[in-house]
Each structure stands twice: as structure tokens, then as C-alpha cells.
Protein backbone atom coordinates (compact mmCIF):
# COMPACT_ATOMS: atom_id res chain seq x y z
CA MET A 1 88.21 91.66 128.04
CA THR A 2 91.26 93.69 127.05
CA GLU A 3 93.85 90.91 126.63
CA LEU A 4 93.63 87.30 125.50
CA HIS A 5 96.27 84.60 125.40
CA VAL A 6 96.09 82.06 122.58
CA PRO A 7 98.62 79.32 123.38
CA GLU A 8 99.48 78.73 119.72
CA LEU A 9 100.87 82.27 119.50
CA PRO A 10 104.07 83.53 121.16
CA PHE A 11 102.49 86.88 121.96
CA SER A 12 99.38 88.13 123.74
CA LEU A 13 96.42 89.64 121.92
CA GLU A 14 94.68 92.88 122.85
CA ALA A 15 91.16 93.90 121.86
CA TRP A 16 90.82 97.02 119.69
CA GLY A 17 87.74 98.81 118.38
CA PRO A 18 84.17 97.77 119.25
CA ASP A 19 83.52 94.81 121.52
CA GLY A 20 83.99 91.62 119.51
CA ASP A 21 82.96 89.19 122.26
CA TRP A 22 86.26 87.39 121.70
CA THR A 23 86.68 83.99 123.37
CA TYR A 24 89.16 81.14 123.09
CA ALA A 25 88.62 77.50 124.06
CA ASP A 26 89.95 74.14 122.88
CA GLY A 27 91.94 75.56 119.99
CA VAL A 28 89.13 77.73 118.63
CA LEU A 29 89.02 81.53 118.69
CA THR A 30 85.60 83.10 118.17
CA GLY A 31 84.56 86.70 117.62
CA ARG A 32 81.61 88.67 116.37
CA ALA A 33 81.08 91.84 114.35
CA GLY A 34 78.10 93.99 115.19
CA PRO A 35 75.75 95.67 112.72
CA ARG A 36 77.46 97.76 110.04
CA GLN A 37 80.93 97.40 111.52
CA ASP A 38 83.81 97.65 109.07
CA ARG A 39 87.29 99.08 108.67
CA PHE A 40 87.66 100.70 105.26
CA VAL A 41 88.63 104.17 104.03
CA PRO A 42 86.92 104.69 100.65
CA PRO A 43 89.42 105.71 97.96
CA THR A 44 86.76 107.92 96.37
CA GLY A 45 86.58 110.28 99.36
CA GLU A 46 88.87 112.76 101.08
CA ALA A 47 88.48 111.42 104.63
CA LEU A 48 91.46 109.50 105.97
CA GLU A 49 89.52 107.79 108.77
CA PRO A 50 87.22 104.78 108.38
CA ALA A 51 83.54 105.61 108.35
CA SER A 52 83.02 102.81 110.88
CA ASP A 53 85.20 100.48 112.94
CA ALA A 54 85.32 96.74 113.52
CA PRO A 55 86.42 94.43 116.34
CA ARG A 56 90.10 93.50 116.20
CA LEU A 57 92.30 91.27 118.34
CA LEU A 58 95.95 92.20 117.78
CA GLY A 59 99.40 91.56 119.18
CA THR A 60 103.05 92.29 118.41
CA PRO A 61 104.92 89.24 117.08
CA PRO A 62 108.59 88.60 117.79
CA ALA A 63 111.16 90.40 115.67
CA GLY A 64 111.98 88.95 112.28
CA ASP A 65 110.09 87.15 109.56
CA PHE A 66 107.05 85.05 110.49
CA GLN A 67 103.87 83.35 109.29
CA LEU A 68 100.50 83.68 111.03
CA ILE A 69 98.07 80.97 109.91
CA ALA A 70 94.44 80.16 110.69
CA ARG A 71 91.48 78.41 109.18
CA VAL A 72 88.74 81.03 109.04
CA SER A 73 85.03 80.21 109.08
CA VAL A 74 82.24 82.78 108.74
CA ALA A 75 78.52 82.40 109.45
CA PHE A 76 77.59 84.49 106.42
CA ARG A 77 74.32 86.45 106.51
CA ASP A 78 74.78 89.59 104.47
CA ALA A 79 76.98 91.01 101.73
CA PHE A 80 80.57 91.71 102.77
CA ASP A 81 80.41 89.82 106.07
CA ALA A 82 83.96 88.60 106.63
CA GLY A 83 86.52 86.98 108.86
CA VAL A 84 89.92 88.64 108.57
CA LEU A 85 93.61 88.28 109.28
CA TYR A 86 94.75 91.83 109.90
CA VAL A 87 98.06 93.77 109.83
CA HIS A 88 98.36 97.14 111.58
CA VAL A 89 101.35 99.44 111.16
CA GLY A 90 99.68 102.78 111.93
CA ASP A 91 96.37 104.64 111.99
CA HIS A 92 96.61 105.17 108.23
CA ALA A 93 98.59 102.06 107.29
CA TRP A 94 96.98 98.64 107.67
CA ALA A 95 95.81 95.66 105.63
CA LYS A 96 93.17 92.92 105.62
CA LEU A 97 93.13 89.40 104.21
CA CYS A 98 89.48 88.36 104.22
CA LEU A 99 87.12 85.49 103.66
CA GLU A 100 84.23 87.69 102.57
CA TYR A 101 80.70 87.31 101.18
CA SER A 102 81.44 89.45 98.13
CA PRO A 103 78.61 90.15 97.57
CA ASP A 104 76.90 86.74 97.60
CA VAL A 105 79.76 84.26 97.06
CA PRO A 106 82.46 83.42 99.66
CA THR A 107 85.60 85.04 98.26
CA VAL A 108 89.18 85.66 99.30
CA CYS A 109 89.57 89.45 99.27
CA THR A 110 92.31 91.89 100.24
CA VAL A 111 92.44 95.51 101.32
CA VAL A 112 95.64 97.53 101.71
CA THR A 113 95.31 100.97 103.25
CA ARG A 114 97.89 103.70 102.86
CA GLY A 115 95.79 106.70 103.82
CA HIS A 116 92.93 105.43 101.66
CA SER A 117 91.99 101.79 101.11
CA ASP A 118 92.11 99.79 97.93
CA ASP A 119 89.91 96.71 97.44
CA ALA A 120 90.58 93.55 95.42
CA ASN A 121 88.85 90.18 95.03
CA SER A 122 91.10 87.17 94.45
CA PHE A 123 89.06 83.97 94.01
CA ALA A 124 85.82 82.32 95.12
CA VAL A 125 85.73 79.67 97.85
CA GLU A 126 83.44 76.68 98.19
CA GLY A 127 81.76 76.61 101.60
CA GLU A 128 82.22 78.93 104.55
CA SER A 129 85.86 78.17 105.47
CA VAL A 130 89.33 78.75 104.05
CA TRP A 131 92.88 78.80 105.39
CA LEU A 132 94.53 82.23 105.43
CA ARG A 133 98.18 83.12 106.01
CA VAL A 134 99.95 86.43 106.65
CA SER A 135 103.75 86.47 106.36
CA ARG A 136 106.33 89.12 107.10
CA SER A 137 109.31 88.94 104.78
CA GLY A 138 111.84 91.69 105.40
CA ARG A 139 110.05 95.02 104.91
CA ALA A 140 107.15 93.40 103.04
CA PHE A 141 104.04 91.40 103.91
CA ALA A 142 102.59 88.55 101.88
CA PHE A 143 99.03 87.17 101.81
CA HIS A 144 98.23 83.55 100.90
CA ALA A 145 95.10 81.37 101.00
CA SER A 146 94.55 77.62 100.85
CA PRO A 147 91.61 75.17 100.80
CA ASP A 148 93.48 72.65 102.96
CA GLY A 149 96.38 74.37 104.71
CA GLU A 150 98.86 72.41 102.59
CA ARG A 151 99.12 74.05 99.18
CA TRP A 152 98.97 77.84 99.26
CA THR A 153 97.84 80.27 96.58
CA PHE A 154 99.77 83.54 96.43
CA VAL A 155 97.35 86.45 96.81
CA ARG A 156 99.34 89.63 97.40
CA LEU A 157 102.75 91.14 98.27
CA PHE A 158 102.93 94.70 99.60
CA THR A 159 104.59 97.06 102.04
CA LEU A 160 103.15 99.45 104.61
CA GLY A 161 106.32 101.41 105.26
CA GLY A 162 110.02 100.95 105.84
CA GLU A 163 111.84 98.42 108.00
CA LYS A 164 111.12 100.34 111.22
CA GLU A 165 107.36 100.46 110.60
CA THR A 166 107.17 96.87 109.37
CA GLY A 167 109.12 95.61 112.36
CA ALA A 168 106.68 97.26 114.77
CA ALA A 169 103.55 95.86 113.11
CA ARG A 170 100.71 94.31 115.08
CA VAL A 171 98.93 91.31 113.59
CA GLY A 172 95.84 89.33 114.46
CA PHE A 173 92.17 88.88 113.76
CA MET A 174 89.14 90.98 112.80
CA ALA A 175 85.42 90.48 112.11
CA GLN A 176 83.28 92.74 109.92
CA SER A 177 79.69 93.19 108.75
CA PRO A 178 79.68 96.46 106.76
CA VAL A 179 76.06 96.49 105.55
CA GLY A 180 74.57 93.67 107.61
CA GLU A 181 73.30 92.97 111.10
CA GLY A 182 76.47 91.30 112.31
CA CYS A 183 78.18 87.94 111.87
CA ALA A 184 80.08 85.34 113.88
CA VAL A 185 83.61 84.32 112.91
CA THR A 186 85.72 81.39 114.13
CA TYR A 187 89.44 80.72 113.75
CA ASP A 188 90.92 77.29 114.33
CA ARG A 189 94.11 75.44 113.33
CA ILE A 190 95.86 78.63 114.46
CA GLY A 191 99.61 78.53 113.95
CA PHE A 192 102.70 80.69 114.08
CA ARG A 193 105.98 79.94 112.34
CA ALA A 194 109.26 81.81 112.46
CA GLY A 195 110.58 82.72 109.04
CA ALA A 196 108.88 83.58 105.78
CA PRO A 197 107.97 81.06 103.05
CA GLY A 198 110.98 80.15 100.96
CA ASP A 199 109.16 80.95 97.71
CA LEU A 200 105.99 83.03 97.75
CA ARG A 201 104.71 81.60 94.47
CA ASP A 202 105.48 77.88 94.50
CA GLY A 203 102.57 76.76 96.70
CA SER A 204 104.64 76.14 99.83
């Protein structure tokens, strides 16, 4: 499979990286990371390429501001297993919003890579599911998370380049299992909205 159409999205998705066994049926997107698959460039090293790679399913949204939303569920097995909403601007400029076992508690985590990756935990989650949202607002991207898809917690605001780079970004989904034997990830309640949130910090 090289291309997948998810009817909730106004753009097609293309598989990148290792085979993620991506499927879509009845409103649910499923994927799987294999053993020790990840996308992370350690900030402590000189290499500018990830030591591994992970399955991604990405597409180019329409021009302008938007919100990509999904409820993410992960069948956690090992530390750092995660389901991810992913933003890709270039080989050395990309970002992840994750529901991650970090290292033994489900946690909303973020990674922003500009050459090297940073790594930040936001807050713990009860259970194996959480709503995640990626927004484009002008030349910036915003990450939010929510327990119910109604009230959103602001997680991060960042940029991966100028207006040209931001406007050409691909967005979508990723699965990872950096130190484990693989994990399954599902995405449901997938949604796409034109426009950015009116206020990034008021819960809307």
C-alpha cells in the first residue's frame, strides 16, 4: 500500500518509512510499529539522521490554517511505545505529538526536530486513549490534547521554518516502538477543520 484515502480528510495519505500495515475501515485507521522503530535524532550526538525510522502515513493539507484531530489509542507493551500525530516540513525539520508509554505511564509527549530532536513530557493520561490535535496557524504549529475531544489543553507552539516551508508541510500519523517489540495503534474520531483555534490557551 502506497496511498490511502480516509474520507474524513480532504487529502490522500501516502505511506513513508517501514511498512506500518496501515488499514482503514468504518471510521478507524490502524497501524503498527515494528520492533525498535522510532524517529528521533538524539540532541546529544552529531548525527542529523534518525538512528531508526518508523511507519508514517502523511498527506499535504489544503493551503491555509487547519486542525487535524484524532482520538489515539495504543496497545502499550514496552517503554516509549506511542501513537503519534506527525508534522513533516523537511528531512531535518519535523515534529511529533505522542501518546507515549513514558516510560511506564501513558503520557502526552512532544518532539520538535530542527536538525536534532528535543523531547518533552506534558502530562499523564488515564487509560490507553487520548484526543490529539495538530493546528497550523500562520507560520506556526500548535499541539493540543484532550480527554474528551471537547476541552483542549495547550501543549506546545512552535515553528519549523518560514511561511513557505510551513505552507508545504505534510501531516498525518505515525507509530513507534523504540525499545520494544512493536505495538498496534488505532485512530478514530478523525476530523479536519479549516482554520486555527481562535485562542490557543482557552480550552477551545
